[in-house]
C-alpha atoms as a PDB file:
ATOM      1  CA  MET A   1     -12.508  -4.044 -15.858  1.00  0.00           C
ATOM      2  CA  SER A   2      -9.636  -4.289 -13.377  1.00  0.00           C
ATOM      3  CA  TRP A   3      -6.733  -1.916 -13.528  1.00  0.00           C
ATOM      4  CA  LYS A   4      -3.273  -3.244 -12.546  1.00  0.00           C
ATOM      5  CA  ALA A   5      -1.133  -2.160  -9.698  1.00  0.00           C
ATOM      6  CA  LYS A   6       2.949  -2.673 -10.423  1.00  0.00           C
ATOM      7  CA  PRO A   7       3.858  -6.246 -10.765  1.00  0.00           C
ATOM      8  CA  SER A   8       7.628  -5.503 -10.397  1.00  0.00           C
ATOM      9  CA  ALA A   9      10.141  -2.603 -10.990  1.00  0.00           C
ATOM     10  CA  SER A  10       9.500  -0.266 -13.500  1.00  0.00           C
ATOM     11  CA  THR A  11      10.891   2.727 -14.567  1.00  0.00           C
ATOM     12  CA  GLU A  12       7.723   4.065 -16.295  1.00  0.00           C
ATOM     13  CA  PRO A  13       6.095   7.209 -14.217  1.00  0.00           C
ATOM     14  CA  ALA A  14       2.567   6.686 -14.168  1.00  0.00           C
ATOM     15  CA  SER A  15      -0.276   9.234 -14.567  1.00  0.00           C
ATOM     16  CA  LEU A  16      -3.656   9.724 -12.924  1.00  0.00           C
ATOM     17  CA  ASP A  17      -5.095  11.066 -16.436  1.00  0.00           C
ATOM     18  CA  GLY A  18      -8.494   9.017 -17.138  1.00  0.00           C
ATOM     19  CA  LEU A  19      -9.012   7.442 -14.260  1.00  0.00           C
ATOM     20  CA  ALA A  20     -12.823   6.955 -13.662  1.00  0.00           C
ATOM     21  CA  HIS A  21     -11.954   7.404  -9.751  1.00  0.00           C
ATOM     22  CA  GLU A  22     -12.852  10.735  -8.948  1.00  0.00           C
ATOM     23  CA  ASP A  23     -11.207  10.865  -5.390  1.00  0.00           C
ATOM     24  CA  LEU A  24      -7.517   9.932  -7.340  1.00  0.00           C
ATOM     25  CA  LYS A  25      -7.686  13.301  -9.395  1.00  0.00           C
ATOM     26  CA  HIS A  26      -5.643  15.481  -7.759  1.00  0.00           C
ATOM     27  CA  GLN A  27      -4.756  19.249  -8.692  1.00  0.00           C
ATOM     28  CA  GLY A  28      -2.026  21.395  -7.060  1.00  0.00           C
ATOM     29  CA  PRO A  29       1.366  20.285  -5.131  1.00  0.00           C
ATOM     30  CA  TRP A  30       1.554  16.256  -4.043  1.00  0.00           C
ATOM     31  CA  CYS A  31       4.034  17.462  -1.624  1.00  0.00           C
ATOM     32  CA  THR A  32       2.084  20.493   0.378  1.00  0.00           C
ATOM     33  CA  GLU A  33       3.489  22.747   2.749  1.00  0.00           C
ATOM     34  CA  ALA A  34       2.207  21.284   5.798  1.00  0.00           C
ATOM     35  CA  MET A  35       3.676  17.951   4.754  1.00  0.00           C
ATOM     36  CA  LYS A  36       6.839  19.601   4.080  1.00  0.00           C
ATOM     37  CA  GLN A  37       6.618  21.629   7.778  1.00  0.00           C
ATOM     38  CA  THR A  38       5.981  18.074   9.387  1.00  0.00           C
ATOM     39  CA  TRP A  39       9.298  16.469   7.230  1.00  0.00           C
ATOM     40  CA  THR A  40      11.474  19.381   8.743  1.00  0.00           C
ATOM     41  CA  LYS A  41      10.466  18.910  12.209  1.00  0.00           C
ATOM     42  CA  LEU A  42      10.131  15.138  12.385  1.00  0.00           C
ATOM     43  CA  VAL A  43      12.098  13.111   9.681  1.00  0.00           C
ATOM     44  CA  LEU A  44      15.159  15.239   8.591  1.00  0.00           C
ATOM     45  CA  PRO A  45      16.442  15.621  11.681  1.00  0.00           C
ATOM     46  CA  LYS A  46      16.520  12.097  12.418  1.00  0.00           C
ATOM     47  CA  TYR A  47      19.309  11.245   9.420  1.00  0.00           C
ATOM     48  CA  ALA A  48      22.694  13.003   8.703  1.00  0.00           C
ATOM     49  CA  THR A  49      21.619  13.646   4.845  1.00  0.00           C
ATOM     50  CA  THR A  50      18.605  14.091   2.980  1.00  0.00           C
ATOM     51  CA  HIS A  51      19.214  10.799   1.272  1.00  0.00           C
ATOM     52  CA  GLY A  52      18.617   8.959   4.201  1.00  0.00           C
ATOM     53  CA  ALA A  53      15.003  10.936   4.918  1.00  0.00           C
ATOM     54  CA  LEU A  54      13.704   9.331   1.361  1.00  0.00           C
ATOM     55  CA  MET A  55      12.136   6.327   2.338  1.00  0.00           C
ATOM     56  CA  PRO A  56      10.137   7.589   4.908  1.00  0.00           C
ATOM     57  CA  ILE A  57       8.936  10.814   2.987  1.00  0.00           C
ATOM     58  CA  LEU A  58       8.173   7.913   0.317  1.00  0.00           C
ATOM     59  CA  HIS A  59       6.211   5.530   2.829  1.00  0.00           C
ATOM     60  CA  ASP A  60       4.629   8.823   3.758  1.00  0.00           C
ATOM     61  CA  LEU A  61       3.443   9.942   0.556  1.00  0.00           C
ATOM     62  CA  GLN A  62       2.190   6.689  -0.543  1.00  0.00           C
ATOM     63  CA  HIS A  63      -0.142   6.259   2.591  1.00  0.00           C
ATOM     64  CA  HIS A  64      -1.654   9.362   2.226  1.00  0.00           C
ATOM     65  CA  TYR A  65      -2.127   9.203  -1.822  1.00  0.00           C
ATOM     66  CA  ARG A  66      -1.625   5.397  -2.447  1.00  0.00           C
ATOM     67  CA  CYS A  67       0.275   6.124  -5.290  1.00  0.00           C
ATOM     68  CA  ILE A  68       3.808   7.976  -6.036  1.00  0.00           C
ATOM     69  CA  PRO A  69       3.151   9.706  -9.430  1.00  0.00           C
ATOM     70  CA  TYR A  70       5.908  10.853 -11.289  1.00  0.00           C
ATOM     71  CA  GLN A  71       5.501  14.627 -10.224  1.00  0.00           C
ATOM     72  CA  ALA A  72       5.551  13.730  -6.752  1.00  0.00           C
ATOM     73  CA  MET A  73       8.846  12.247  -7.215  1.00  0.00           C
ATOM     74  CA  VAL A  74      10.203  15.421  -9.025  1.00  0.00           C
ATOM     75  CA  GLU A  75       8.770  17.529  -6.008  1.00  0.00           C
ATOM     76  CA  VAL A  76      10.428  15.111  -3.451  1.00  0.00           C
ATOM     77  CA  ALA A  77      13.820  15.423  -5.098  1.00  0.00           C
ATOM     78  CA  ALA A  78      13.455  19.301  -5.079  1.00  0.00           C
ATOM     79  CA  PHE A  79      12.783  19.271  -1.004  1.00  0.00           C
ATOM     80  CA  LEU A  80      15.185  16.859  -0.691  1.00  0.00           C
ATOM     81  CA  GLY A  81      17.939  18.571  -2.944  1.00  0.00           C
ATOM     82  CA  ILE A  82      18.641  14.718  -4.772  1.00  0.00           C
ATOM     83  CA  PRO A  83      18.510  14.037  -8.450  1.00  0.00           C
ATOM     84  CA  PRO A  84      15.162  13.121  -9.604  1.00  0.00           C
ATOM     85  CA  ALA A  85      16.091   9.897 -11.078  1.00  0.00           C
ATOM     86  CA  GLU A  86      17.224   8.642  -7.273  1.00  0.00           C
ATOM     87  CA  VAL A  87      13.749   9.523  -6.460  1.00  0.00           C
ATOM     88  CA  LEU A  88      12.474   7.131  -9.252  1.00  0.00           C
ATOM     89  CA  ASP A  89      14.937   4.375  -8.968  1.00  0.00           C
ATOM     90  CA  THR A  90      13.876   4.180  -5.387  1.00  0.00           C
ATOM     91  CA  VAL A  91      10.129   4.016  -6.075  1.00  0.00           C
ATOM     92  CA  SER A  92      10.668   1.754  -8.912  1.00  0.00           C
ATOM     93  CA  PHE A  93      12.756  -0.646  -6.892  1.00  0.00           C
ATOM     94  CA  TYR A  94      10.566  -1.195  -3.794  1.00  0.00           C
ATOM     95  CA  GLU A  95       7.695  -3.299  -4.178  1.00  0.00           C
ATOM     96  CA  GLU A  96       5.945  -1.391  -1.322  1.00  0.00           C
ATOM     97  CA  PHE A  97       5.996   1.508  -3.477  1.00  0.00           C
ATOM     98  CA  HIS A  98       3.019   2.160  -6.450  1.00  0.00           C
ATOM     99  CA  THR A  99       3.322   4.713  -9.358  1.00  0.00           C
ATOM    100  CA  GLU A 100       0.262   3.355  -9.765  1.00  0.00           C
ATOM    101  CA  PRO A 101      -2.833   3.973  -7.682  1.00  0.00           C
ATOM    102  CA  VAL A 102      -4.160   0.768  -5.345  1.00  0.00           C
ATOM    103  CA  GLY A 103      -7.360   0.523  -3.529  1.00  0.00           C
ATOM    104  CA  ARG A 104      -7.735   1.933  -0.051  1.00  0.00           C
ATOM    105  CA  CYS A 105      -7.465  -2.299   1.160  1.00  0.00           C
ATOM    106  CA  VAL A 106      -4.316  -3.624  -0.265  1.00  0.00           C
ATOM    107  CA  ILE A 107      -4.704  -7.251   0.741  1.00  0.00           C
ATOM    108  CA  GLY A 108      -1.132  -8.769   0.414  1.00  0.00           C
ATOM    109  CA  ILE A 109      -0.731 -12.903   0.630  1.00  0.00           C
ATOM    110  CA  CYS A 110       2.063 -13.899   2.138  1.00  0.00           C
ATOM    111  CA  GLN A 111       3.894 -16.259  -0.248  1.00  0.00           C
ATOM    112  CA  SER A 112       6.773 -17.771   1.608  1.00  0.00           C
ATOM    113  CA  ILE A 113       6.984 -21.663   2.320  1.00  0.00           C
ATOM    114  CA  ALA A 114       5.466 -21.674   5.614  1.00  0.00           C
ATOM    115  CA  CYS A 115       2.548 -20.023   4.229  1.00  0.00           C
ATOM    116  CA  GLU A 116       2.041 -22.164   1.443  1.00  0.00           C
ATOM    117  CA  VAL A 117       2.256 -25.483   3.567  1.00  0.00           C
ATOM    118  CA  CYS A 118      -0.555 -23.468   6.050  1.00  0.00           C
ATOM    119  CA  GLY A 119      -2.360 -22.929   2.801  1.00  0.00           C
ATOM    120  CA  HIS A 120      -1.718 -19.449   1.674  1.00  0.00           C
ATOM    121  CA  ALA A 121      -3.217 -20.671  -2.049  1.00  0.00           C
ATOM    122  CA  ALA A 122      -6.699 -21.633  -0.953  1.00  0.00           C
ATOM    123  CA  LEU A 123      -6.739 -17.845   0.596  1.00  0.00           C
ATOM    124  CA  GLU A 124      -5.745 -16.282  -2.330  1.00  0.00           C
ATOM    125  CA  ASP A 125      -8.130 -18.382  -4.588  1.00  0.00           C
ATOM    126  CA  ARG A 126     -10.821 -17.402  -2.398  1.00  0.00           C
ATOM    127  CA  ILE A 127      -9.865 -13.597  -2.769  1.00  0.00           C
ATOM    128  CA  ARG A 128      -9.441 -13.886  -6.488  1.00  0.00           C
ATOM    129  CA  THR A 129     -13.170 -15.485  -6.850  1.00  0.00           C
ATOM    130  CA  LYS A 130     -14.786 -13.097  -4.396  1.00  0.00           C
ATOM    131  CA  LEU A 131     -13.806 -10.001  -5.775  1.00  0.00           C
ATOM    132  CA  ASP A 132     -13.193 -10.961  -8.883  1.00  0.00           C
ATOM    133  CA  LEU A 133      -9.254  -9.949  -8.862  1.00  0.00           C
ATOM    134  CA  GLU A 134      -6.096 -11.567 -10.340  1.00  0.00           C
ATOM    135  CA  PRO A 135      -2.792 -11.047  -8.436  1.00  0.00           C
ATOM    136  CA  HIS A 136      -1.506  -6.758  -9.101  1.00  0.00           C
ATOM    137  CA  GLU A 137      -4.981  -5.937  -9.923  1.00  0.00           C
ATOM    138  CA  THR A 138      -7.742  -3.136  -8.507  1.00  0.00           C
ATOM    139  CA  ASP A 139     -10.982  -3.276  -8.694  1.00  0.00           C
ATOM    140  CA  ASP A 140     -12.627  -0.799 -10.961  1.00  0.00           C
ATOM    141  CA  GLU A 141     -14.285   1.291  -7.734  1.00  0.00           C
ATOM    142  CA  GLY A 142     -10.688   1.422  -6.333  1.00  0.00           C
ATOM    143  CA  ARG A 143     -11.547  -0.595  -3.211  1.00  0.00           C
ATOM    144  CA  PHE A 144      -9.321  -3.654  -3.084  1.00  0.00           C
ATOM    145  CA  THR A 145      -5.867  -4.288  -4.389  1.00  0.00           C
ATOM    146  CA  LEU A 146      -4.486  -8.009  -4.170  1.00  0.00           C
ATOM    147  CA  LEU A 147      -0.943  -8.347  -4.297  1.00  0.00           C
ATOM    148  CA  PRO A 148       1.296 -11.571  -3.728  1.00  0.00           C
ATOM    149  CA  LEU A 149       4.264 -10.630  -1.272  1.00  0.00           C
ATOM    150  CA  GLU A 150       7.640 -12.363  -0.354  1.00  0.00           C
ATOM    151  CA  CYS A 151       7.783 -13.359   3.182  1.00  0.00           C
ATOM    152  CA  LEU A 152       6.482 -11.067   5.946  1.00  0.00           C
ATOM    153  CA  GLY A 153       8.838 -12.533   8.450  1.00  0.00           C
ATOM    154  CA  SER A 154       5.551 -14.184  10.784  1.00  0.00           C
ATOM    155  CA  CYS A 155       6.510 -17.660   9.768  1.00  0.00           C
ATOM    156  CA  ASP A 156       5.782 -19.435  13.359  1.00  0.00           C
ATOM    157  CA  THR A 157       1.946 -17.884  12.707  1.00  0.00           C
ATOM    158  CA  ALA A 158       1.384 -18.339   9.118  1.00  0.00           C
ATOM    159  CA  PRO A 159      -0.616 -18.241   7.511  1.00  0.00           C
ATOM    160  CA  VAL A 160      -0.294 -14.739   7.390  1.00  0.00           C
ATOM    161  CA  ALA A 161      -1.286 -11.507   5.236  1.00  0.00           C
ATOM    162  CA  LEU A 162      -1.324  -7.293   5.094  1.00  0.00           C
ATOM    163  CA  PHE A 163      -4.117  -5.466   5.147  1.00  0.00           C
ATOM    164  CA  ASN A 164      -2.779  -1.950   4.418  1.00  0.00           C
ATOM    165  CA  ASP A 165      -0.353  -2.017   7.355  1.00  0.00           C
ATOM    166  CA  GLU A 166      -1.754  -4.746   9.353  1.00  0.00           C
ATOM    167  CA  LEU A 167      -0.538  -8.022   9.549  1.00  0.00           C
ATOM    168  CA  LEU A 168      -2.889 -10.715  10.247  1.00  0.00           C
ATOM    169  CA  GLU A 169      -1.738 -13.731  11.908  1.00  0.00           C
ATOM    170  CA  ASN A 170      -2.942 -17.371  11.592  1.00  0.00           C
ATOM    171  CA  LEU A 171      -5.434 -16.283   8.991  1.00  0.00           C
ATOM    172  CA  THR A 172      -8.565 -18.535   8.915  1.00  0.00           C
ATOM    173  CA  MET A 173     -10.914 -18.587   5.889  1.00  0.00           C
ATOM    174  CA  ASP A 174     -13.548 -17.096   8.279  1.00  0.00           C
ATOM    175  CA  GLN A 175     -11.824 -14.450   9.284  1.00  0.00           C
ATOM    176  CA  LEU A 176     -10.901 -13.182   5.729  1.00  0.00           C
ATOM    177  CA  GLU A 177     -14.294 -13.663   4.759  1.00  0.00           C
ATOM    178  CA  ALA A 178     -15.195 -11.597   7.545  1.00  0.00           C
ATOM    179  CA  VAL A 179     -12.691  -8.865   6.468  1.00  0.00           C
ATOM    180  CA  LEU A 180     -13.578  -9.004   2.803  1.00  0.00           C
ATOM    181  CA  ASP A 181     -17.311  -8.817   3.852  1.00  0.00           C
ATOM    182  CA  GLN A 182     -17.210  -5.634   6.167  1.00  0.00           C
ATOM    183  CA  VAL A 183     -14.768  -3.929   3.848  1.00  0.00           C
ATOM    184  CA  LYS A 184     -17.492  -4.159   0.906  1.00  0.00           C
ATOM    185  CA  GLY A 185     -20.166  -2.733   3.155  1.00  0.00           C
ATOM    186  CA  ILE A 186     -18.570   0.473   3.899  1.00  0.00           C
ATOM    187  CA  PRO A 187     -19.509   3.326   1.321  1.00  0.00           C
ATOM    188  CA  ILE A 188     -16.208   3.675  -0.482  1.00  0.00           C
ATOM    189  CA  ASP A 189     -15.947   7.489   0.395  1.00  0.00           C
ATOM    190  CA  GLN A 190     -16.012   6.176   3.552  1.00  0.00           C
ATOM    191  CA  LEU A 191     -13.331   3.759   3.584  1.00  0.00           C
ATOM    192  CA  ASP A 192     -10.002   4.930   4.820  1.00  0.00           C
ATOM    193  CA  ARG A 193      -7.042   3.249   6.226  1.00  0.00           C
ATOM    194  CA  ALA A 194      -8.496   3.831   9.933  1.00  0.00           C
ATOM    195  CA  ARG A 195     -11.792   1.924   9.139  1.00  0.00           C
ATOM    196  CA  VAL A 196      -9.698  -1.136   7.593  1.00  0.00           C
ATOM    197  CA  ARG A 197      -7.462  -1.114  10.631  1.00  0.00           C
ATOM    198  CA  GLU A 198     -10.458  -1.649  13.164  1.00  0.00           C
ATOM    199  CA  ILE A 199     -11.662  -4.125  10.631  1.00  0.00           C
ATOM    200  CA  VAL A 200      -8.623  -6.315  10.763  1.00  0.00           C
ATOM    201  CA  ARG A 201      -8.244  -5.677  14.379  1.00  0.00           C
ATOM    202  CA  ALA A 202     -11.028  -7.076  15.327  1.00  0.00           C
ATOM    203  CA  GLN A 203     -10.802 -10.606  13.617  1.00  0.00           C
ATOM    204  CA  GLY A 204      -7.834 -11.861  15.430  1.00  0.00           C
ATOM    205  CA  THR A 205      -4.232 -11.430  16.380  1.00  0.00           C
ATOM    206  CA  THR A 206      -1.756  -8.775  14.689  1.00  0.00           C
ATOM    207  CA  GLN A 207       0.986  -6.874  14.209  1.00  0.00           C
ATOM    208  CA  HIS A 208       0.035  -2.752  14.030  1.00  0.00           C
ATOM    209  CA  GLY A 209       1.734  -1.133  11.686  1.00  0.00           C
ATOM    210  CA  ARG A 210       2.576   2.475  12.232  1.00  0.00           C
ATOM    211  CA  SER A 211       2.973   5.760  10.165  1.00  0.00           C
ATOM    212  CA  PRO A 212       6.729   6.022   8.960  1.00  0.00           C
ATOM    213  CA  ILE A 213       6.314   9.919  10.163  1.00  0.00           C
ATOM    214  CA  SER A 214       5.951   8.690  14.068  1.00  0.00           C
END
């Protein structure tokens, strides 16, 4: 049975208790001392107030843990000296943040009119059939999450899809099949963002994402 990622803004904090995926269990602080040192050196100096650093720090946590649980929000608030409610409001408002763990390969299918005209529905249907996933679901292994996304701003290269932080343009069914098959073929304990990025970039024209800390 698949489990669901956040389908819309919600103020319900998530817990990792009871999840079957060993790699999603966590002990100790979510905001490690190494993270805090990096944020202090590379993020905070870019902003006039600590509030400005909230989004890149949340992105960093999302990339690292594939979710931002409630305790992490509390720790971020303490680090920035802002109310925890402000962190929770931000996480629950933006669809790019997840309070429950998502898969190691998050597939975001653009839902824009341009992508609709160019066949995004067929691509999404293929993912649903091949992976036995519905939108906002993650497979039991924690490998894939399927998310419908609003316009990704690349209408001239439709249809497009995001694979984690890699935007694959002019996406064809053959390219989609190749990405899914290769990601499925990697042992789950060896599958990370770098491996997914390598697979996607080998398939065609992409717009490369970057770390929010860079």
